[in-house]
Amino acid sequence: MAREQYQRDYRQQYKDQVKRVNLTFSLAEHRGIARAAKDVGSPVAAYVKRLALEAHEGRSSAPEEIAEQLADLERVIRTIANNVNQMARHSNRIAHVLDEQEVFLNIHALQSELKQAISRAASGTGSSDEEGGS
């Protein structure tokens, strides 16, 4: 009798702490979700739960291809910041800017490269070798 009471208490406590949600998908929706879950190596229920929680928390995991493109964008931004920092350090060291126009040309070239990288990322083409460079 004690075991039955224990199980009853356990089930009641579990129901108080956890809520179950049932979802209905069309066949096409389920196929798409199942395919995506299989691609990431996760059961369908766990995959849907993860996506729902990420959306609820305002974060989402980017597909690997987009993550790589974002890494490329981060590299370009770091390059720009490094170049601007080097120019500022050099100008401070010699107490003036030797060629103001050259600084703006370099910044414009870096800005163009960044815009191209963003365009590639937005269009999903990815490769940074597609453009002829600046």
C-alpha atoms as a PDB file:
ATOM      1  CA  MET A   1       0.000   0.000   0.000  1.00  0.00           C
ATOM      2  CA  ALA A   2       2.849   2.386   0.760  1.00  0.00           C
ATOM      3  CA  ARG A   3       4.216   2.035  -2.780  1.00  0.00           C
ATOM      4  CA  GLU A   4       0.856   2.923  -4.321  1.00  0.00           C
ATOM      5  CA  GLN A   5       0.616   6.013  -2.132  1.00  0.00           C
ATOM      6  CA  TYR A   6       4.183   6.994  -3.047  1.00  0.00           C
ATOM      7  CA  GLN A   7       3.418   6.668  -6.769  1.00  0.00           C
ATOM      8  CA  ARG A   8       0.187   8.663  -6.402  1.00  0.00           C
ATOM      9  CA  ASP A   9       2.025  11.425  -4.542  1.00  0.00           C
ATOM     10  CA  TYR A  10       4.864  11.404  -7.066  1.00  0.00           C
ATOM     11  CA  ARG A  11       2.471  11.697 -10.035  1.00  0.00           C
ATOM     12  CA  GLN A  12       0.587  14.537  -8.360  1.00  0.00           C
ATOM     13  CA  GLN A  13       3.809  16.405  -7.581  1.00  0.00           C
ATOM     14  CA  TYR A  14       5.020  15.847 -11.158  1.00  0.00           C
ATOM     15  CA  LYS A  15       1.730  17.205 -12.578  1.00  0.00           C
ATOM     16  CA  ASP A  16       2.085  20.289 -10.395  1.00  0.00           C
ATOM     17  CA  GLN A  17       5.608  20.993 -11.690  1.00  0.00           C
ATOM     18  CA  VAL A  18       5.354  20.046 -15.370  1.00  0.00           C
ATOM     19  CA  LYS A  19       2.731  20.832 -17.993  1.00  0.00           C
ATOM     20  CA  ARG A  20       2.154  18.786 -21.110  1.00  0.00           C
ATOM     21  CA  VAL A  21       1.265  20.433 -24.433  1.00  0.00           C
ATOM     22  CA  ASN A  22      -0.276  18.628 -27.385  1.00  0.00           C
ATOM     23  CA  LEU A  23       0.184  20.081 -30.859  1.00  0.00           C
ATOM     24  CA  THR A  24      -1.439  19.204 -34.159  1.00  0.00           C
ATOM     25  CA  PHE A  25       0.444  19.639 -37.442  1.00  0.00           C
ATOM     26  CA  SER A  26      -0.635  19.038 -41.004  1.00  0.00           C
ATOM     27  CA  LEU A  27       1.170  16.195 -42.721  1.00  0.00           C
ATOM     28  CA  ALA A  28       3.329  18.634 -44.708  1.00  0.00           C
ATOM     29  CA  GLU A  29       4.208  20.611 -41.572  1.00  0.00           C
ATOM     30  CA  HIS A  30       5.122  17.434 -39.707  1.00  0.00           C
ATOM     31  CA  ARG A  31       7.304  16.206 -42.566  1.00  0.00           C
ATOM     32  CA  GLY A  32       9.189  19.506 -42.654  1.00  0.00           C
ATOM     33  CA  ILE A  33       9.660  19.573 -38.894  1.00  0.00           C
ATOM     34  CA  ALA A  34      10.678  15.904 -38.795  1.00  0.00           C
ATOM     35  CA  ARG A  35      13.202  16.479 -41.586  1.00  0.00           C
ATOM     36  CA  ALA A  36      14.699  19.486 -39.788  1.00  0.00           C
ATOM     37  CA  ALA A  37      14.830  17.561 -36.502  1.00  0.00           C
ATOM     38  CA  LYS A  38      16.574  14.666 -38.231  1.00  0.00           C
ATOM     39  CA  ASP A  39      19.092  17.062 -39.786  1.00  0.00           C
ATOM     40  CA  VAL A  40      20.137  18.261 -36.329  1.00  0.00           C
ATOM     41  CA  GLY A  41      19.951  14.750 -34.853  1.00  0.00           C
ATOM     42  CA  SER A  42      17.138  15.445 -32.433  1.00  0.00           C
ATOM     43  CA  PRO A  43      13.747  13.840 -31.784  1.00  0.00           C
ATOM     44  CA  VAL A  44      10.808  15.837 -33.157  1.00  0.00           C
ATOM     45  CA  ALA A  45       9.382  16.709 -29.726  1.00  0.00           C
ATOM     46  CA  ALA A  46      12.743  17.902 -28.386  1.00  0.00           C
ATOM     47  CA  TYR A  47      13.365  19.902 -31.573  1.00  0.00           C
ATOM     48  CA  VAL A  48       9.967  21.644 -31.405  1.00  0.00           C
ATOM     49  CA  LYS A  49      10.446  22.356 -27.693  1.00  0.00           C
ATOM     50  CA  ARG A  50      13.889  23.884 -28.307  1.00  0.00           C
ATOM     51  CA  LEU A  51      12.585  26.092 -31.128  1.00  0.00           C
ATOM     52  CA  ALA A  52       9.606  27.223 -29.058  1.00  0.00           C
ATOM     53  CA  LEU A  53      11.767  28.121 -26.063  1.00  0.00           C
ATOM     54  CA  GLU A  54      14.310  29.942 -28.235  1.00  0.00           C
ATOM     55  CA  ALA A  55      11.545  31.966 -29.885  1.00  0.00           C
ATOM     56  CA  HIS A  56       9.956  32.720 -26.518  1.00  0.00           C
ATOM     57  CA  GLU A  57      13.276  33.884 -25.058  1.00  0.00           C
ATOM     58  CA  GLY A  58      13.966  36.027 -28.118  1.00  0.00           C
ATOM     59  CA  ARG A  59      16.965  34.076 -29.304  1.00  0.00           C
ATOM     60  CA  SER A  60      17.320  31.654 -32.130  1.00  0.00           C
ATOM     61  CA  SER A  61      20.054  29.434 -33.376  1.00  0.00           C
ATOM     62  CA  ALA A  62      21.289  30.338 -36.819  1.00  0.00           C
ATOM     63  CA  PRO A  63      21.853  27.623 -39.394  1.00  0.00           C
ATOM     64  CA  GLU A  64      25.509  26.708 -39.793  1.00  0.00           C
ATOM     65  CA  GLU A  65      25.813  28.504 -43.148  1.00  0.00           C
ATOM     66  CA  ILE A  66      24.486  31.760 -41.697  1.00  0.00           C
ATOM     67  CA  ALA A  67      26.686  31.378 -38.622  1.00  0.00           C
ATOM     68  CA  GLU A  68      29.715  31.114 -40.931  1.00  0.00           C
ATOM     69  CA  GLN A  69      28.616  34.236 -42.810  1.00  0.00           C
ATOM     70  CA  LEU A  70      28.185  36.091 -39.528  1.00  0.00           C
ATOM     71  CA  ALA A  71      31.695  35.012 -38.561  1.00  0.00           C
ATOM     72  CA  ASP A  72      32.939  36.500 -41.863  1.00  0.00           C
ATOM     73  CA  LEU A  73      31.118  39.752 -41.088  1.00  0.00           C
ATOM     74  CA  GLU A  74      32.663  39.808 -37.635  1.00  0.00           C
ATOM     75  CA  ARG A  75      36.112  39.355 -39.212  1.00  0.00           C
ATOM     76  CA  VAL A  76      35.493  42.289 -41.585  1.00  0.00           C
ATOM     77  CA  ILE A  77      34.320  44.509 -38.725  1.00  0.00           C
ATOM     78  CA  ARG A  78      37.365  43.572 -36.639  1.00  0.00           C
ATOM     79  CA  THR A  79      39.607  44.395 -39.607  1.00  0.00           C
ATOM     80  CA  ILE A  80      37.973  47.805 -39.972  1.00  0.00           C
ATOM     81  CA  ALA A  81      38.337  48.534 -36.266  1.00  0.00           C
ATOM     82  CA  ASN A  82      41.965  47.410 -36.294  1.00  0.00           C
ATOM     83  CA  ASN A  83      42.814  49.578 -39.314  1.00  0.00           C
ATOM     84  CA  VAL A  84      41.120  52.661 -37.838  1.00  0.00           C
ATOM     85  CA  ASN A  85      42.936  52.058 -34.550  1.00  0.00           C
ATOM     86  CA  GLN A  86      46.292  51.767 -36.334  1.00  0.00           C
ATOM     87  CA  MET A  87      45.646  55.008 -38.240  1.00  0.00           C
ATOM     88  CA  ALA A  88      44.668  56.811 -35.031  1.00  0.00           C
ATOM     89  CA  ARG A  89      47.751  55.530 -33.200  1.00  0.00           C
ATOM     90  CA  HIS A  90      50.014  56.566 -36.060  1.00  0.00           C
ATOM     91  CA  SER A  91      48.419  60.035 -36.233  1.00  0.00           C
ATOM     92  CA  ASN A  92      48.796  60.487 -32.485  1.00  0.00           C
ATOM     93  CA  ARG A  93      52.414  59.394 -32.650  1.00  0.00           C
ATOM     94  CA  ILE A  94      53.334  61.975 -35.288  1.00  0.00           C
ATOM     95  CA  ALA A  95      50.853  64.556 -33.888  1.00  0.00           C
ATOM     96  CA  HIS A  96      48.901  65.060 -37.135  1.00  0.00           C
ATOM     97  CA  VAL A  97      47.307  63.214 -40.018  1.00  0.00           C
ATOM     98  CA  LEU A  98      49.652  63.051 -42.997  1.00  0.00           C
ATOM     99  CA  ASP A  99      47.033  62.533 -45.697  1.00  0.00           C
ATOM    100  CA  GLU A 100      43.469  63.078 -44.538  1.00  0.00           C
ATOM    101  CA  GLN A 101      42.056  61.970 -47.873  1.00  0.00           C
ATOM    102  CA  GLU A 102      43.804  58.582 -47.673  1.00  0.00           C
ATOM    103  CA  VAL A 103      42.172  57.856 -44.323  1.00  0.00           C
ATOM    104  CA  PHE A 104      38.711  58.491 -45.758  1.00  0.00           C
ATOM    105  CA  LEU A 105      39.475  56.432 -48.865  1.00  0.00           C
ATOM    106  CA  ASN A 106      40.516  53.489 -46.666  1.00  0.00           C
ATOM    107  CA  ILE A 107      37.384  53.825 -44.546  1.00  0.00           C
ATOM    108  CA  HIS A 108      35.241  54.002 -47.703  1.00  0.00           C
ATOM    109  CA  ALA A 109      36.916  50.869 -49.113  1.00  0.00           C
ATOM    110  CA  LEU A 110      36.341  49.011 -45.848  1.00  0.00           C
ATOM    111  CA  GLN A 111      32.738  50.213 -45.756  1.00  0.00           C
ATOM    112  CA  SER A 112      32.202  48.910 -49.297  1.00  0.00           C
ATOM    113  CA  GLU A 113      33.683  45.544 -48.346  1.00  0.00           C
ATOM    114  CA  LEU A 114      31.374  45.359 -45.335  1.00  0.00           C
ATOM    115  CA  LYS A 115      28.310  46.195 -47.462  1.00  0.00           C
ATOM    116  CA  GLN A 116      29.278  43.465 -49.945  1.00  0.00           C
ATOM    117  CA  ALA A 117      29.686  40.945 -47.121  1.00  0.00           C
ATOM    118  CA  ILE A 118      26.280  41.898 -45.707  1.00  0.00           C
ATOM    119  CA  SER A 119      24.706  41.570 -49.160  1.00  0.00           C
ATOM    120  CA  ARG A 120      26.267  38.127 -49.608  1.00  0.00           C
ATOM    121  CA  ALA A 121      25.007  37.060 -46.190  1.00  0.00           C
ATOM    122  CA  ALA A 122      21.515  38.394 -46.902  1.00  0.00           C
ATOM    123  CA  SER A 123      21.324  36.662 -50.275  1.00  0.00           C
ATOM    124  CA  GLY A 124      22.744  33.456 -48.818  1.00  0.00           C
ATOM    125  CA  THR A 125      25.592  33.151 -51.311  1.00  0.00           C
ATOM    126  CA  GLY A 126      28.221  32.943 -48.604  1.00  0.00           C
ATOM    127  CA  SER A 127      31.561  32.801 -50.426  1.00  0.00           C
ATOM    128  CA  SER A 128      33.676  35.922 -50.042  1.00  0.00           C
ATOM    129  CA  ASP A 129      35.634  35.024 -53.190  1.00  0.00           C
ATOM    130  CA  GLU A 130      32.679  35.751 -55.486  1.00  0.00           C
ATOM    131  CA  GLU A 131      33.335  39.467 -55.572  1.00  0.00           C
ATOM    132  CA  GLY A 132      36.473  40.658 -57.250  1.00  0.00           C
ATOM    133  CA  GLY A 133      37.506  42.506 -54.088  1.00  0.00           C
ATOM    134  CA  SER A 134      37.902  46.262 -53.676  1.00  0.00           C
END
